[in-house]
Amino acid sequence: MEMTITKPAARWFIQELDLQQNDAVRFFARYGGFGGVHKGFSLALEKTEPVNAGLKIVEEGVLFFVEESDLWYFDNKNFHIKYSRKYDEIEYVIK
């Protein structure tokens, strides 16, 4: 299981969340919403420091991570974060 993020996606997060060098963004499972791997759950994010990161990657000086406690959501699949120029939004690919 691996996590990747494209440079354009990292830049999008930096701009949208006003991130600075050495900031951290956590991706986690939340109850409710649409899409995702498990019915009734969706992917959320927050700017916070890791406690026990299970997946992590640094891009453009920012740490993007998933805590060990949220790995179940990805069902042992790879987690890829991309930016769509066409829609000017982030795309999560879990496979």
Protein backbone atom coordinates (compact mmCIF):
# COMPACT_ATOMS: atom_id res chain seq x y z
CA MET A 1 0.00 0.00 0.00
CA GLU A 2 1.43 3.37 -1.01
CA MET A 3 0.47 7.02 -1.11
CA THR A 4 1.39 9.44 -3.90
CA ILE A 5 0.60 13.07 -4.65
CA THR A 6 1.38 14.96 -7.81
CA LYS A 7 3.21 18.29 -7.67
CA PRO A 8 0.19 20.14 -9.13
CA ALA A 9 -2.04 18.59 -6.44
CA ALA A 10 0.39 19.59 -3.67
CA ARG A 11 0.49 23.15 -5.04
CA TRP A 12 -3.31 23.24 -5.11
CA PHE A 13 -3.47 22.26 -1.43
CA ILE A 14 -0.79 24.82 -0.54
CA GLN A 15 -2.77 27.57 -2.22
CA GLU A 16 -6.25 26.54 -1.05
CA LEU A 17 -5.28 25.80 2.57
CA ASP A 18 -2.67 28.57 2.82
CA LEU A 19 -0.04 26.01 3.78
CA GLN A 20 3.51 26.91 4.73
CA GLN A 21 6.77 24.97 4.61
CA ASN A 22 6.69 22.07 7.14
CA ASP A 23 2.88 22.11 7.56
CA ALA A 24 1.05 18.79 7.55
CA VAL A 25 -2.27 17.64 6.06
CA ARG A 26 -4.07 14.55 7.35
CA PHE A 27 -6.50 12.51 5.23
CA PHE A 28 -9.00 10.50 7.23
CA ALA A 29 -12.24 8.54 7.00
CA ARG A 30 -15.38 10.30 8.13
CA TYR A 31 -18.88 8.98 8.54
CA GLY A 32 -21.20 10.23 5.83
CA GLY A 33 -20.78 11.69 2.40
CA PHE A 34 -20.46 10.09 -1.00
CA GLY A 35 -17.82 8.09 -2.81
CA GLY A 36 -14.96 6.21 -1.39
CA VAL A 37 -14.19 2.62 -0.69
CA HIS A 38 -16.75 1.92 2.05
CA LYS A 39 -20.43 2.79 1.79
CA GLY A 40 -21.43 5.49 4.24
CA PHE A 41 -17.89 6.87 4.63
CA SER A 42 -15.97 9.50 2.71
CA LEU A 43 -12.53 11.01 2.74
CA ALA A 44 -11.90 14.20 4.71
CA LEU A 45 -8.81 16.26 5.46
CA GLU A 46 -7.45 18.62 8.07
CA LYS A 47 -4.32 20.62 8.71
CA THR A 48 -2.70 18.96 11.74
CA GLU A 49 0.46 17.21 12.89
CA PRO A 50 0.73 13.41 12.72
CA VAL A 51 0.48 11.23 15.80
CA ASN A 52 1.17 7.83 14.23
CA ALA A 53 1.34 8.17 10.45
CA GLY A 54 0.75 4.94 8.53
CA LEU A 55 1.20 6.47 5.08
CA LYS A 56 3.06 9.68 4.37
CA ILE A 57 4.71 11.67 1.63
CA VAL A 58 6.40 15.06 1.54
CA GLU A 59 5.83 17.19 -1.54
CA GLU A 60 6.63 20.88 -1.98
CA GLY A 61 7.76 20.99 1.67
CA VAL A 62 4.39 19.81 3.06
CA LEU A 63 3.73 16.46 4.76
CA PHE A 64 0.61 14.66 3.50
CA PHE A 65 -0.35 11.65 5.60
CA VAL A 66 -2.87 9.07 6.80
CA GLU A 67 -2.83 7.90 10.41
CA GLU A 68 -2.48 4.18 11.14
CA SER A 69 -6.00 4.23 12.63
CA ASP A 70 -7.47 5.30 9.27
CA LEU A 71 -5.70 2.78 7.03
CA TRP A 72 -8.75 0.46 7.12
CA TYR A 73 -10.57 2.94 4.86
CA PHE A 74 -8.15 2.27 1.99
CA ASP A 75 -8.71 -1.50 2.16
CA ASN A 76 -5.02 -2.26 1.36
CA LYS A 77 -5.24 -0.26 -1.87
CA ASN A 78 -2.89 2.47 -3.07
CA PHE A 79 -3.93 6.09 -2.46
CA HIS A 80 -3.13 8.57 -5.22
CA ILE A 81 -3.90 12.29 -5.09
CA LYS A 82 -4.05 14.14 -8.41
CA TYR A 83 -5.09 17.57 -9.67
CA SER A 84 -7.57 17.90 -12.54
CA ARG A 85 -6.81 20.98 -14.65
CA LYS A 86 -10.08 20.46 -16.52
CA TYR A 87 -12.19 20.78 -13.36
CA ASP A 88 -9.70 22.75 -11.20
CA GLU A 89 -10.13 20.28 -8.36
CA ILE A 90 -8.46 17.41 -6.57
CA GLU A 91 -9.07 13.81 -7.59
CA TYR A 92 -8.54 10.90 -5.20
CA VAL A 93 -7.76 7.56 -6.79
CA ILE A 94 -7.90 4.51 -4.53
CA LYS A 95 -6.99 1.25 -6.26
